[in-house]
Amino acid sequence: MAKKEFLKEEPESNVEDTPENSAFACEQCNKMYFHEDALAISMTCCGQPLKELHYEAVIP
């Protein structure tokens, strides 16, 4: 008989949801910025505030 192997379930994400892992986007010109870059441009682009993106990071 063949031996069955079972994979252990991993947590959904090993990345913490911290400001350093967040991203922001300008809806007007479709540019995306990471947190430190968004801070460098005062959280604005094209005269509008940047919108925070919500995403799940998946690490294989």
PDB file of N, CA and C in Angstrom:
ATOM      1  N   MET A   1       0.829  -1.193   0.000  1.00  0.00           N
ATOM      2  CA  MET A   1       0.000   0.000   0.000  1.00  0.00           C
ATOM      3  C   MET A   1       0.871   1.253   0.000  1.00  0.00           C
ATOM      4  N   ALA A   2       0.368   2.247  -0.666  1.00  0.00           N
ATOM      5  CA  ALA A   2       1.096   3.515  -0.716  1.00  0.00           C
ATOM      6  C   ALA A   2       0.921   4.271   0.598  1.00  0.00           C
ATOM      7  N   LYS A   3       1.989   4.886   1.009  1.00  0.00           N
ATOM      8  CA  LYS A   3       1.943   5.663   2.248  1.00  0.00           C
ATOM      9  C   LYS A   3       1.427   7.067   1.934  1.00  0.00           C
ATOM     10  N   LYS A   4       0.425   7.519   2.681  1.00  0.00           N
ATOM     11  CA  LYS A   4      -0.138   8.850   2.459  1.00  0.00           C
ATOM     12  C   LYS A   4       0.607   9.867   3.306  1.00  0.00           C
ATOM     13  N   GLU A   5       0.886  10.996   2.694  1.00  0.00           N
ATOM     14  CA  GLU A   5       1.524  12.085   3.426  1.00  0.00           C
ATOM     15  C   GLU A   5       0.521  13.215   3.578  1.00  0.00           C
ATOM     16  N   PHE A   6       0.455  13.760   4.754  1.00  0.00           N
ATOM     17  CA  PHE A   6      -0.459  14.863   5.017  1.00  0.00           C
ATOM     18  C   PHE A   6       0.343  16.134   5.256  1.00  0.00           C
ATOM     19  N   LEU A   7      -0.110  17.191   4.631  1.00  0.00           N
ATOM     20  CA  LEU A   7       0.549  18.478   4.828  1.00  0.00           C
ATOM     21  C   LEU A   7      -0.028  19.168   6.050  1.00  0.00           C
ATOM     22  N   LYS A   8       0.851  19.755   6.819  1.00  0.00           N
ATOM     23  CA  LYS A   8       0.420  20.492   7.998  1.00  0.00           C
ATOM     24  C   LYS A   8      -0.120  21.852   7.549  1.00  0.00           C
ATOM     25  N   GLU A   9      -1.251  22.260   8.113  1.00  0.00           N
ATOM     26  CA  GLU A   9      -1.831  23.552   7.753  1.00  0.00           C
ATOM     27  C   GLU A   9      -0.986  24.669   8.326  1.00  0.00           C
ATOM     28  N   GLU A  10      -0.666  25.622   7.475  1.00  0.00           N
ATOM     29  CA  GLU A  10       0.124  26.780   7.875  1.00  0.00           C
ATOM     30  C   GLU A  10      -0.811  27.939   8.172  1.00  0.00           C
ATOM     31  N   PRO A  11      -0.391  28.877   8.998  1.00  0.00           N
ATOM     32  CA  PRO A  11      -1.210  30.077   9.200  1.00  0.00           C
ATOM     33  C   PRO A  11      -1.358  30.823   7.876  1.00  0.00           C
ATOM     34  N   GLU A  12      -2.433  31.595   7.750  1.00  0.00           N
ATOM     35  CA  GLU A  12      -2.720  32.263   6.480  1.00  0.00           C
ATOM     36  C   GLU A  12      -1.601  33.186   6.028  1.00  0.00           C
ATOM     37  N   SER A  13      -0.981  33.912   6.948  1.00  0.00           N
ATOM     38  CA  SER A  13       0.068  34.842   6.568  1.00  0.00           C
ATOM     39  C   SER A  13       1.066  34.984   7.699  1.00  0.00           C
ATOM     40  N   ASN A  14       2.330  35.034   7.337  1.00  0.00           N
ATOM     41  CA  ASN A  14       3.374  35.266   8.324  1.00  0.00           C
ATOM     42  C   ASN A  14       3.756  36.736   8.389  1.00  0.00           C
ATOM     43  N   VAL A  15       3.143  37.556   7.559  1.00  0.00           N
ATOM     44  CA  VAL A  15       3.450  38.981   7.511  1.00  0.00           C
ATOM     45  C   VAL A  15       2.483  39.719   8.413  1.00  0.00           C
ATOM     46  N   GLU A  16       3.034  40.502   9.317  1.00  0.00           N
ATOM     47  CA  GLU A  16       2.177  41.277  10.211  1.00  0.00           C
ATOM     48  C   GLU A  16       1.595  42.466   9.465  1.00  0.00           C
ATOM     49  N   ASP A  17       0.388  42.863   9.852  1.00  0.00           N
ATOM     50  CA  ASP A  17      -0.263  44.017   9.243  1.00  0.00           C
ATOM     51  C   ASP A  17       0.228  45.269   9.954  1.00  0.00           C
ATOM     52  N   THR A  18       1.366  45.775   9.504  1.00  0.00           N
ATOM     53  CA  THR A  18       1.954  46.964  10.106  1.00  0.00           C
ATOM     54  C   THR A  18       2.009  48.069   9.071  1.00  0.00           C
ATOM     55  N   PRO A  19       2.152  49.297   9.496  1.00  0.00           N
ATOM     56  CA  PRO A  19       2.244  50.392   8.528  1.00  0.00           C
ATOM     57  C   PRO A  19       3.381  50.200   7.528  1.00  0.00           C
ATOM     58  N   GLU A  20       4.471  49.560   7.960  1.00  0.00           N
ATOM     59  CA  GLU A  20       5.601  49.351   7.058  1.00  0.00           C
ATOM     60  C   GLU A  20       5.252  48.411   5.912  1.00  0.00           C
ATOM     61  N   ASN A  21       4.212  47.592   6.080  1.00  0.00           N
ATOM     62  CA  ASN A  21       3.810  46.644   5.045  1.00  0.00           C
ATOM     63  C   ASN A  21       2.636  47.145   4.213  1.00  0.00           C
ATOM     64  N   SER A  22       2.172  48.356   4.472  1.00  0.00           N
ATOM     65  CA  SER A  22       1.005  48.847   3.755  1.00  0.00           C
ATOM     66  C   SER A  22       1.414  49.572   2.475  1.00  0.00           C
ATOM     67  N   ALA A  23       0.450  49.733   1.588  1.00  0.00           N
ATOM     68  CA  ALA A  23       0.684  50.418   0.324  1.00  0.00           C
ATOM     69  C   ALA A  23      -0.429  51.435   0.103  1.00  0.00           C
ATOM     70  N   PHE A  24      -0.116  52.439  -0.683  1.00  0.00           N
ATOM     71  CA  PHE A  24      -1.058  53.509  -0.973  1.00  0.00           C
ATOM     72  C   PHE A  24      -1.065  53.756  -2.473  1.00  0.00           C
ATOM     73  N   ALA A  25      -2.184  54.250  -2.986  1.00  0.00           N
ATOM     74  CA  ALA A  25      -2.299  54.484  -4.422  1.00  0.00           C
ATOM     75  C   ALA A  25      -2.973  55.816  -4.697  1.00  0.00           C
ATOM     76  N   CYS A  26      -2.599  56.401  -5.839  1.00  0.00           N
ATOM     77  CA  CYS A  26      -3.252  57.605  -6.338  1.00  0.00           C
ATOM     78  C   CYS A  26      -4.292  57.136  -7.353  1.00  0.00           C
ATOM     79  N   GLU A  27      -5.553  57.430  -7.081  1.00  0.00           N
ATOM     80  CA  GLU A  27      -6.608  56.984  -7.994  1.00  0.00           C
ATOM     81  C   GLU A  27      -6.595  57.758  -9.305  1.00  0.00           C
ATOM     82  N   GLN A  28      -6.019  58.958  -9.288  1.00  0.00           N
ATOM     83  CA  GLN A  28      -6.039  59.792 -10.483  1.00  0.00           C
ATOM     84  C   GLN A  28      -5.007  59.338 -11.527  1.00  0.00           C
ATOM     85  N   CYS A  29      -3.786  59.052 -11.084  1.00  0.00           N
ATOM     86  CA  CYS A  29      -2.746  58.666 -12.051  1.00  0.00           C
ATOM     87  C   CYS A  29      -2.338  57.195 -11.946  1.00  0.00           C
ATOM     88  N   ASN A  30      -2.998  56.418 -11.064  1.00  0.00           N
ATOM     89  CA  ASN A  30      -2.767  54.974 -10.904  1.00  0.00           C
ATOM     90  C   ASN A  30      -1.339  54.612 -10.494  1.00  0.00           C
ATOM     91  N   LYS A  31      -0.685  55.474  -9.716  1.00  0.00           N
ATOM     92  CA  LYS A  31       0.632  55.146  -9.179  1.00  0.00           C
ATOM     93  C   LYS A  31       0.456  54.530  -7.800  1.00  0.00           C
ATOM     94  N   MET A  32       1.351  53.600  -7.465  1.00  0.00           N
ATOM     95  CA  MET A  32       1.287  52.942  -6.164  1.00  0.00           C
ATOM     96  C   MET A  32       2.574  53.243  -5.406  1.00  0.00           C
ATOM     97  N   TYR A  33       2.434  53.456  -4.096  1.00  0.00           N
ATOM     98  CA  TYR A  33       3.565  53.789  -3.240  1.00  0.00           C
ATOM     99  C   TYR A  33       3.556  52.897  -2.007  1.00  0.00           C
ATOM    100  N   PHE A  34       4.746  52.476  -1.565  1.00  0.00           N
ATOM    101  CA  PHE A  34       4.863  51.799  -0.284  1.00  0.00           C
ATOM    102  C   PHE A  34       4.831  52.845   0.816  1.00  0.00           C
ATOM    103  N   HIS A  35       4.640  52.420   2.048  1.00  0.00           N
ATOM    104  CA  HIS A  35       4.430  53.324   3.182  1.00  0.00           C
ATOM    105  C   HIS A  35       5.518  54.394   3.286  1.00  0.00           C
ATOM    106  N   GLU A  36       6.794  53.991   3.236  1.00  0.00           N
ATOM    107  CA  GLU A  36       7.873  54.967   3.410  1.00  0.00           C
ATOM    108  C   GLU A  36       7.919  55.965   2.252  1.00  0.00           C
ATOM    109  N   ASP A  37       7.588  55.517   1.037  1.00  0.00           N
ATOM    110  CA  ASP A  37       7.553  56.429  -0.108  1.00  0.00           C
ATOM    111  C   ASP A  37       6.378  57.392   0.001  1.00  0.00           C
ATOM    112  N   ALA A  38       5.243  56.897   0.471  1.00  0.00           N
ATOM    113  CA  ALA A  38       4.062  57.747   0.636  1.00  0.00           C
ATOM    114  C   ALA A  38       4.323  58.825   1.681  1.00  0.00           C
ATOM    115  N   LEU A  39       5.022  58.469   2.755  1.00  0.00           N
ATOM    116  CA  LEU A  39       5.372  59.468   3.766  1.00  0.00           C
ATOM    117  C   LEU A  39       6.299  60.530   3.185  1.00  0.00           C
ATOM    118  N   ALA A  40       7.205  60.117   2.309  1.00  0.00           N
ATOM    119  CA  ALA A  40       8.161  61.054   1.719  1.00  0.00           C
ATOM    120  C   ALA A  40       7.471  62.101   0.848  1.00  0.00           C
ATOM    121  N   ILE A  41       6.328  61.757   0.270  1.00  0.00           N
ATOM    122  CA  ILE A  41       5.607  62.729  -0.565  1.00  0.00           C
ATOM    123  C   ILE A  41       4.378  63.267   0.164  1.00  0.00           C
ATOM    124  N   SER A  42       4.412  63.205   1.493  1.00  0.00           N
ATOM    125  CA  SER A  42       3.358  63.765   2.356  1.00  0.00           C
ATOM    126  C   SER A  42       1.980  63.164   2.108  1.00  0.00           C
ATOM    127  N   MET A  43       1.937  61.901   1.716  1.00  0.00           N
ATOM    128  CA  MET A  43       0.678  61.155   1.537  1.00  0.00           C
ATOM    129  C   MET A  43      -0.257  61.801   0.516  1.00  0.00           C
ATOM    130  N   THR A  44       0.298  62.530  -0.438  1.00  0.00           N
ATOM    131  CA  THR A  44      -0.521  63.135  -1.492  1.00  0.00           C
ATOM    132  C   THR A  44       0.123  62.893  -2.852  1.00  0.00           C
ATOM    133  N   CYS A  45      -0.689  62.929  -3.891  1.00  0.00           N
ATOM    134  CA  CYS A  45      -0.228  62.811  -5.269  1.00  0.00           C
ATOM    135  C   CYS A  45      -1.282  63.491  -6.136  1.00  0.00           C
ATOM    136  N   CYS A  46      -0.873  64.233  -7.126  1.00  0.00           N
ATOM    137  CA  CYS A  46      -1.797  64.947  -8.020  1.00  0.00           C
ATOM    138  C   CYS A  46      -2.725  65.882  -7.226  1.00  0.00           C
ATOM    139  N   GLY A  47      -2.263  66.359  -6.079  1.00  0.00           N
ATOM    140  CA  GLY A  47      -3.069  67.254  -5.266  1.00  0.00           C
ATOM    141  C   GLY A  47      -4.154  66.569  -4.456  1.00  0.00           C
ATOM    142  N   GLN A  48      -4.208  65.241  -4.480  1.00  0.00           N
ATOM    143  CA  GLN A  48      -5.230  64.475  -3.764  1.00  0.00           C
ATOM    144  C   GLN A  48      -4.554  63.568  -2.733  1.00  0.00           C
ATOM    145  N   PRO A  49      -5.240  63.264  -1.624  1.00  0.00           N
ATOM    146  CA  PRO A  49      -4.664  62.318  -0.661  1.00  0.00           C
ATOM    147  C   PRO A  49      -4.616  60.905  -1.249  1.00  0.00           C
ATOM    148  N   LEU A  50      -3.596  60.159  -0.850  1.00  0.00           N
ATOM    149  CA  LEU A  50      -3.469  58.781  -1.317  1.00  0.00           C
ATOM    150  C   LEU A  50      -4.472  57.884  -0.604  1.00  0.00           C
ATOM    151  N   LYS A  51      -4.914  56.846  -1.308  1.00  0.00           N
ATOM    152  CA  LYS A  51      -5.866  55.887  -0.747  1.00  0.00           C
ATOM    153  C   LYS A  51      -5.090  54.653  -0.302  1.00  0.00           C
ATOM    154  N   GLU A  52      -5.356  54.182   0.932  1.00  0.00           N
ATOM    155  CA  GLU A  52      -4.666  53.000   1.436  1.00  0.00           C
ATOM    156  C   GLU A  52      -5.231  51.749   0.778  1.00  0.00           C
ATOM    157  N   LEU A  53      -4.330  50.874   0.348  1.00  0.00           N
ATOM    158  CA  LEU A  53      -4.729  49.613  -0.272  1.00  0.00           C
ATOM    159  C   LEU A  53      -4.730  48.523   0.786  1.00  0.00           C
ATOM    160  N   HIS A  54      -5.703  47.659   0.734  1.00  0.00           N
ATOM    161  CA  HIS A  54      -5.787  46.528   1.653  1.00  0.00           C
ATOM    162  C   HIS A  54      -5.550  45.263   0.847  1.00  0.00           C
ATOM    163  N   TYR A  55      -4.555  44.503   1.254  1.00  0.00           N
ATOM    164  CA  TYR A  55      -4.225  43.288   0.526  1.00  0.00           C
ATOM    165  C   TYR A  55      -3.725  42.244   1.503  1.00  0.00           C
ATOM    166  N   GLU A  56      -3.711  41.009   1.057  1.00  0.00           N
ATOM    167  CA  GLU A  56      -3.176  39.917   1.856  1.00  0.00           C
ATOM    168  C   GLU A  56      -1.849  39.493   1.258  1.00  0.00           C
ATOM    169  N   ALA A  57      -0.831  39.457   2.081  1.00  0.00           N
ATOM    170  CA  ALA A  57       0.469  38.990   1.622  1.00  0.00           C
ATOM    171  C   ALA A  57       0.530  37.481   1.802  1.00  0.00           C
ATOM    172  N   VAL A  58       0.943  36.792   0.768  1.00  0.00           N
ATOM    173  CA  VAL A  58       1.040  35.337   0.827  1.00  0.00           C
ATOM    174  C   VAL A  58       2.492  34.956   0.599  1.00  0.00           C
ATOM    175  N   ILE A  59       3.041  34.235   1.558  1.00  0.00           N
ATOM    176  CA  ILE A  59       4.419  33.781   1.438  1.00  0.00           C
ATOM    177  C   ILE A  59       4.393  32.272   1.238  1.00  0.00           C
ATOM    178  N   PRO A  60       4.931  31.810   0.105  1.00  0.00           N
ATOM    179  CA  PRO A  60       4.907  30.365  -0.158  1.00  0.00           C
ATOM    180  C   PRO A  60       5.804  29.599   0.785  1.00  0.00           C
TER     181      PRO A  60
END
